[in-house]
Protein backbone atom coordinates (compact mmCIF):
# COMPACT_ATOMS: atom_id res chain seq x y z
CA MET A 1 -1.14 13.21 -4.37
CA ASN A 2 1.71 10.83 -5.17
CA THR A 3 3.39 11.80 -8.43
CA LEU A 4 5.61 8.75 -8.77
CA VAL A 5 5.53 7.12 -12.18
CA LEU A 6 4.43 3.50 -12.08
CA PRO A 7 6.50 0.94 -14.00
CA GLN A 8 5.14 -0.38 -17.27
CA ALA A 9 3.69 -3.88 -16.93
CA GLU A 10 5.47 -4.99 -20.09
CA ASN A 11 8.80 -4.54 -18.30
CA VAL A 12 8.23 -7.01 -15.47
CA GLU A 13 8.66 -10.74 -15.25
CA ARG A 14 5.36 -12.62 -15.31
CA TYR A 15 4.20 -16.15 -14.94
CA MET A 16 0.96 -18.10 -15.16
CA ALA A 17 -0.68 -19.99 -12.32
CA VAL A 18 -3.29 -22.71 -12.30
CA ALA A 19 -5.75 -23.20 -9.43
CA MET A 20 -7.11 -26.64 -8.70
CA SER A 21 -8.92 -28.38 -5.88
CA THR A 22 -6.99 -29.92 -2.99
CA GLY A 23 -9.18 -32.95 -3.74
CA HIS A 24 -6.62 -33.83 -6.41
CA LEU A 25 -4.05 -34.48 -3.66
CA ALA A 26 -3.73 -38.01 -2.28
CA PRO A 27 -3.71 -38.31 1.53
CA LYS A 28 0.06 -38.89 1.56
CA ASP A 29 0.57 -35.74 -0.55
CA PHE A 30 -0.81 -33.59 2.29
CA GLU A 31 1.77 -35.08 4.67
CA ILE A 32 4.63 -34.61 2.23
CA LEU A 33 3.68 -31.02 1.30
CA ASP A 34 3.18 -30.16 5.00
CA GLU A 35 6.66 -31.47 5.75
CA MET A 36 8.22 -29.66 2.80
CA ALA A 37 6.62 -26.35 3.83
CA GLU A 38 7.02 -26.60 7.60
CA LEU A 39 10.55 -27.94 7.67
CA LYS A 40 11.60 -25.57 4.88
CA ARG A 41 12.75 -28.66 2.99
CA SER A 42 11.82 -26.78 -0.14
CA SER A 43 11.44 -23.07 -0.77
CA ARG A 44 9.08 -23.95 -3.63
CA VAL A 45 6.23 -25.21 -1.40
CA LEU A 46 4.15 -22.83 0.67
CA LYS A 47 1.36 -24.00 2.94
CA ARG A 48 -1.62 -21.77 3.62
CA GLU A 49 -4.92 -22.17 5.44
CA TYR A 50 -6.79 -23.62 2.45
CA GLY A 51 -4.05 -25.45 0.57
CA TYR A 52 -0.63 -25.05 -0.98
CA PHE A 53 1.35 -23.19 -3.60
CA ILE A 54 3.96 -25.14 -5.56
CA LYS A 55 6.36 -22.99 -7.61
CA LEU A 56 7.72 -24.66 -10.71
CA ALA A 57 11.14 -23.81 -12.08
CA GLY A 58 12.93 -23.99 -15.41
CA PRO A 59 11.84 -24.91 -18.91
CA ALA A 60 8.75 -27.06 -19.50
CA HIS A 61 10.78 -30.03 -20.74
CA GLN A 62 12.92 -30.19 -17.57
CA THR A 63 10.88 -31.72 -14.77
CA ASP A 64 13.55 -33.42 -12.65
CA TYR A 65 13.85 -30.48 -10.25
CA ASP A 66 10.09 -30.12 -9.83
CA LEU A 67 9.01 -33.71 -9.32
CA ILE A 68 8.51 -34.85 -5.73
CA PRO A 69 9.77 -38.46 -5.49
CA GLU A 70 7.80 -39.30 -2.32
CA ALA A 71 4.54 -37.85 -3.65
CA SER A 72 1.76 -39.72 -5.40
CA ASP A 73 2.08 -40.49 -9.08
CA GLU A 74 -0.96 -38.24 -9.60
CA LEU A 75 0.69 -35.18 -8.02
CA ASN A 76 3.78 -35.71 -10.16
CA ARG A 77 1.51 -36.14 -13.21
CA ILE A 78 -0.10 -32.79 -12.36
CA ILE A 79 3.33 -31.17 -12.07
CA VAL A 80 4.40 -32.48 -15.50
CA TRP A 81 1.08 -31.33 -17.02
CA ALA A 82 1.34 -27.87 -15.43
CA LYS A 83 4.86 -27.33 -16.76
CA ALA A 84 3.94 -28.59 -20.23
CA SER A 85 0.93 -26.24 -20.20
CA GLY A 86 3.11 -23.22 -19.46
CA PHE A 87 2.22 -22.78 -15.78
CA SER A 88 4.89 -21.73 -13.28
CA LEU A 89 2.74 -22.03 -10.16
CA ILE A 90 0.18 -24.58 -9.00
CA GLU A 91 -2.30 -23.39 -6.39
CA PHE A 92 -4.06 -26.22 -4.61
CA ASP A 93 -7.06 -24.66 -2.88
CA SER A 94 -9.97 -26.31 -1.10
CA ASP A 95 -12.39 -23.99 -2.93
CA ALA A 96 -10.83 -24.26 -6.39
CA THR A 97 -12.45 -26.27 -9.14
CA ARG A 98 -11.95 -29.89 -9.94
CA ILE A 99 -10.07 -30.48 -13.21
CA GLU A 100 -11.42 -33.34 -15.29
CA GLY A 101 -8.73 -35.79 -16.32
CA PHE A 102 -7.02 -35.89 -12.93
CA GLN A 103 -7.85 -38.30 -10.13
CA PHE A 104 -10.01 -36.87 -7.36
CA PHE A 105 -9.39 -38.29 -3.88
CA GLU A 106 -11.94 -36.39 -1.72
CA GLU A 107 -15.45 -37.68 -1.37
CA GLU A 108 -18.04 -35.29 -2.77
């Protein structure tokens, strides 16, 4: 049996994530996020089989670094909302729920 002592959870950095449907992404957002992830244009965007992770940085009131100028206004609106809500990570997943109040681009 391993007798190593595990670290206390209170002593580690934590952050909150929000999961939302990829249906909230405009068609051009998929292209931009693909490019950012594949070309390593940003270390904050990770593409996966069912969507994307977007890591947010810095205080909630500072959004300049996190906004994506080429992206849709709706994606940037989601980024501002996520930061203001205390989230540090946005997970766009094809199976995640739709969040009322944000535009939905996919047909249901």
